[in-house]
Amino acid sequence: MMMQMVWLLRPLVDQCRSAGHILAPSQCYAFTTLPLFGGEYTVANVWMCSCRDWLAFAATIYSETKGLPDGSTVRIVVKD
């Protein structure tokens, strides 16, 4: 149960659902501002996104930042 609370952010999911953010089968909760970049673990920083799109985005961010030391400056460029 404790791992579920930590890894799956169960309290935040419960708060999102209580706020009326009910996911469709192919959706997941996504962060507006990633916690990696200072985003908070709050309902106000969460939106509903396609699982496929979110995983692709998160994988890209991870691959680009995985070797950076804490406190590094990051510049994000959005490309079409």
N, C-alpha and C. Protein backbone atom coordinates (compact mmCIF):
# COMPACT_ATOMS: atom_id res chain seq x y z
N MET A 1 0.82 -1.19 0.00
CA MET A 1 0.00 0.00 0.00
C MET A 1 0.87 1.26 0.00
N MET A 2 1.97 1.26 0.75
CA MET A 2 2.82 2.44 0.82
C MET A 2 3.46 2.73 -0.53
N MET A 3 3.89 1.70 -1.25
CA MET A 3 4.50 1.91 -2.56
C MET A 3 3.48 2.52 -3.52
N GLN A 4 2.23 2.08 -3.43
CA GLN A 4 1.17 2.64 -4.27
C GLN A 4 1.01 4.13 -3.98
N MET A 5 1.07 4.51 -2.71
CA MET A 5 0.92 5.91 -2.33
C MET A 5 2.06 6.76 -2.88
N VAL A 6 3.28 6.21 -2.86
CA VAL A 6 4.45 6.96 -3.30
C VAL A 6 4.59 6.96 -4.82
N TRP A 7 4.63 5.80 -5.43
CA TRP A 7 4.91 5.71 -6.85
C TRP A 7 3.75 6.14 -7.73
N LEU A 8 2.55 5.88 -7.32
CA LEU A 8 1.39 6.20 -8.15
C LEU A 8 0.71 7.51 -7.73
N LEU A 9 1.26 8.18 -6.73
CA LEU A 9 0.71 9.46 -6.26
C LEU A 9 -0.79 9.35 -5.95
N ARG A 10 -1.14 8.28 -5.28
CA ARG A 10 -2.56 7.99 -5.00
C ARG A 10 -3.30 9.16 -4.37
N PRO A 11 -2.74 9.86 -3.37
CA PRO A 11 -3.49 11.00 -2.81
C PRO A 11 -3.80 12.07 -3.86
N LEU A 12 -2.88 12.35 -4.76
CA LEU A 12 -3.11 13.34 -5.80
C LEU A 12 -4.18 12.86 -6.78
N VAL A 13 -4.13 11.59 -7.13
CA VAL A 13 -5.16 11.02 -8.01
C VAL A 13 -6.53 11.14 -7.35
N ASP A 14 -6.62 10.83 -6.08
CA ASP A 14 -7.88 10.95 -5.35
C ASP A 14 -8.38 12.39 -5.36
N GLN A 15 -7.47 13.35 -5.19
CA GLN A 15 -7.84 14.76 -5.22
C GLN A 15 -8.34 15.17 -6.61
N CYS A 16 -7.68 14.69 -7.65
CA CYS A 16 -8.10 14.99 -9.02
C CYS A 16 -9.50 14.46 -9.28
N ARG A 17 -9.74 13.24 -8.87
CA ARG A 17 -11.06 12.64 -9.06
C ARG A 17 -12.13 13.38 -8.28
N SER A 18 -11.80 13.78 -7.06
CA SER A 18 -12.74 14.55 -6.24
C SER A 18 -13.06 15.89 -6.87
N ALA A 19 -12.10 16.44 -7.62
CA ALA A 19 -12.30 17.73 -8.30
C ALA A 19 -13.04 17.56 -9.63
N GLY A 20 -13.43 16.32 -9.96
CA GLY A 20 -14.21 16.08 -11.17
C GLY A 20 -13.39 15.72 -12.39
N HIS A 21 -12.10 15.52 -12.22
CA HIS A 21 -11.23 15.14 -13.33
C HIS A 21 -11.22 13.61 -13.46
N ILE A 22 -12.19 13.10 -14.20
CA ILE A 22 -12.35 11.66 -14.37
C ILE A 22 -11.78 11.26 -15.73
N LEU A 23 -10.84 10.35 -15.70
CA LEU A 23 -10.12 9.95 -16.92
C LEU A 23 -10.94 9.03 -17.82
N ALA A 24 -10.77 9.21 -19.12
CA ALA A 24 -11.26 8.26 -20.11
C ALA A 24 -10.28 7.09 -20.15
N PRO A 25 -10.64 5.96 -20.73
CA PRO A 25 -9.75 4.79 -20.73
C PRO A 25 -8.36 5.04 -21.31
N SER A 26 -8.21 5.93 -22.25
CA SER A 26 -6.90 6.14 -22.87
C SER A 26 -6.19 7.40 -22.35
N GLN A 27 -6.64 7.91 -21.20
CA GLN A 27 -6.04 9.12 -20.65
C GLN A 27 -5.27 8.84 -19.37
N CYS A 28 -4.41 9.80 -19.03
CA CYS A 28 -3.71 9.78 -17.75
C CYS A 28 -3.63 11.22 -17.25
N TYR A 29 -3.27 11.38 -15.99
CA TYR A 29 -3.03 12.71 -15.45
C TYR A 29 -1.62 13.13 -15.84
N ALA A 30 -1.48 14.37 -16.23
CA ALA A 30 -0.19 14.91 -16.66
C ALA A 30 0.05 16.23 -15.93
N PHE A 31 1.30 16.58 -15.75
CA PHE A 31 1.64 17.83 -15.07
C PHE A 31 1.75 18.96 -16.09
N THR A 32 1.16 20.10 -15.76
CA THR A 32 1.31 21.30 -16.58
C THR A 32 2.77 21.74 -16.55
N THR A 33 3.32 21.85 -15.35
CA THR A 33 4.75 22.10 -15.16
C THR A 33 5.32 20.88 -14.44
N LEU A 34 6.23 20.19 -15.09
CA LEU A 34 6.81 18.99 -14.49
C LEU A 34 7.46 19.30 -13.14
N PRO A 35 7.31 18.42 -12.16
CA PRO A 35 7.99 18.61 -10.89
C PRO A 35 9.50 18.77 -11.06
N LEU A 36 10.07 18.14 -12.06
CA LEU A 36 11.49 18.30 -12.38
C LEU A 36 11.87 19.76 -12.57
N PHE A 37 10.91 20.55 -13.08
CA PHE A 37 11.14 21.96 -13.35
C PHE A 37 10.46 22.86 -12.33
N GLY A 38 10.12 22.32 -11.17
CA GLY A 38 9.54 23.13 -10.10
C GLY A 38 8.04 23.06 -9.97
N GLY A 39 7.38 22.27 -10.81
CA GLY A 39 5.93 22.12 -10.71
C GLY A 39 5.53 21.42 -9.42
N GLU A 40 4.38 21.78 -8.93
CA GLU A 40 3.90 21.22 -7.66
C GLU A 40 2.99 20.01 -7.89
N TYR A 41 2.93 19.16 -6.90
CA TYR A 41 2.06 17.99 -6.92
C TYR A 41 0.68 18.42 -6.40
N THR A 42 -0.01 19.23 -7.21
CA THR A 42 -1.32 19.74 -6.83
C THR A 42 -2.29 19.57 -8.00
N VAL A 43 -3.58 19.56 -7.68
CA VAL A 43 -4.61 19.45 -8.70
C VAL A 43 -4.49 20.61 -9.70
N ALA A 44 -4.12 21.78 -9.22
CA ALA A 44 -3.99 22.95 -10.10
C ALA A 44 -2.89 22.77 -11.15
N ASN A 45 -1.96 21.86 -10.92
CA ASN A 45 -0.85 21.63 -11.84
C ASN A 45 -1.04 20.35 -12.66
N VAL A 46 -2.25 19.83 -12.67
CA VAL A 46 -2.53 18.56 -13.36
C VAL A 46 -3.61 18.78 -14.42
N TRP A 47 -3.44 18.12 -15.55
CA TRP A 47 -4.46 18.10 -16.58
C TRP A 47 -4.58 16.68 -17.13
N MET A 48 -5.61 16.41 -17.91
CA MET A 48 -5.82 15.08 -18.46
C MET A 48 -5.30 15.05 -19.89
N CYS A 49 -4.54 14.00 -20.19
CA CYS A 49 -3.84 13.91 -21.47
C CYS A 49 -3.94 12.48 -22.00
N SER A 50 -3.77 12.34 -23.28
CA SER A 50 -3.67 11.01 -23.88
C SER A 50 -2.43 10.31 -23.28
N CYS A 51 -2.58 9.07 -22.87
CA CYS A 51 -1.44 8.32 -22.31
C CYS A 51 -0.29 8.27 -23.32
N ARG A 52 -0.61 8.04 -24.55
CA ARG A 52 0.42 7.94 -25.59
C ARG A 52 1.21 9.24 -25.71
N ASP A 53 0.50 10.37 -25.77
CA ASP A 53 1.17 11.67 -25.90
C ASP A 53 2.02 11.99 -24.67
N TRP A 54 1.45 11.70 -23.48
CA TRP A 54 2.18 12.02 -22.25
C TRP A 54 3.45 11.18 -22.13
N LEU A 55 3.36 9.90 -22.41
CA LEU A 55 4.54 9.04 -22.30
C LEU A 55 5.61 9.44 -23.30
N ALA A 56 5.21 9.82 -24.51
CA ALA A 56 6.18 10.28 -25.51
C ALA A 56 6.86 11.56 -25.03
N PHE A 57 6.09 12.49 -24.51
CA PHE A 57 6.64 13.75 -24.01
C PHE A 57 7.58 13.51 -22.82
N ALA A 58 7.10 12.75 -21.85
CA ALA A 58 7.90 12.49 -20.65
C ALA A 58 9.19 11.74 -20.99
N ALA A 59 9.13 10.82 -21.94
CA ALA A 59 10.33 10.08 -22.35
C ALA A 59 11.35 11.02 -23.00
N THR A 60 10.87 11.95 -23.79
CA THR A 60 11.76 12.92 -24.42
C THR A 60 12.44 13.80 -23.37
N ILE A 61 11.66 14.30 -22.43
CA ILE A 61 12.23 15.14 -21.35
C ILE A 61 13.25 14.33 -20.56
N TYR A 62 12.92 13.10 -20.22
CA TYR A 62 13.86 12.27 -19.46
C TYR A 62 15.16 12.06 -20.23
N SER A 63 15.06 11.71 -21.51
CA SER A 63 16.27 11.42 -22.28
C SER A 63 17.16 12.66 -22.42
N GLU A 64 16.55 13.83 -22.43
CA GLU A 64 17.31 15.06 -22.58
C GLU A 64 17.90 15.58 -21.26
N THR A 65 17.37 15.12 -20.13
CA THR A 65 17.80 15.68 -18.83
C THR A 65 18.43 14.66 -17.89
N LYS A 66 18.45 13.39 -18.24
CA LYS A 66 18.87 12.35 -17.30
C LYS A 66 20.28 12.51 -16.75
N GLY A 67 21.18 13.11 -17.48
CA GLY A 67 22.55 13.24 -17.00
C GLY A 67 22.89 14.59 -16.37
N LEU A 68 21.90 15.46 -16.28
CA LEU A 68 22.19 16.80 -15.75
C LEU A 68 22.29 16.79 -14.23
N PRO A 69 23.24 17.53 -13.68
CA PRO A 69 23.31 17.65 -12.22
C PRO A 69 22.18 18.52 -11.70
N ASP A 70 21.82 18.31 -10.43
CA ASP A 70 20.79 19.14 -9.79
C ASP A 70 21.16 20.61 -9.92
N GLY A 71 20.16 21.43 -10.18
CA GLY A 71 20.37 22.87 -10.28
C GLY A 71 20.75 23.35 -11.67
N SER A 72 20.84 22.44 -12.63
CA SER A 72 21.21 22.83 -13.99
C SER A 72 20.13 23.72 -14.61
N THR A 73 20.54 24.62 -15.46
CA THR A 73 19.61 25.44 -16.21
C THR A 73 19.21 24.67 -17.47
N VAL A 74 17.92 24.66 -17.74
CA VAL A 74 17.40 23.93 -18.89
C VAL A 74 16.63 24.90 -19.78
N ARG A 75 16.87 24.82 -21.06
CA ARG A 75 16.13 25.63 -22.04
C ARG A 75 15.32 24.68 -22.90
N ILE A 76 14.01 24.90 -22.95
CA ILE A 76 13.12 24.04 -23.71
C ILE A 76 12.74 24.75 -25.00
N VAL A 77 12.94 24.06 -26.12
CA VAL A 77 12.56 24.57 -27.42
C VAL A 77 11.49 23.65 -27.98
N VAL A 78 10.34 24.21 -28.29
CA VAL A 78 9.24 23.42 -28.84
C VAL A 78 9.32 23.47 -30.35
N LYS A 79 9.31 22.29 -30.96
CA LYS A 79 9.39 22.18 -32.42
C LYS A 79 8.11 21.54 -32.95
N ASP A 80 7.69 21.97 -34.12
CA ASP A 80 6.52 21.35 -34.75
C ASP A 80 6.88 20.03 -35.36
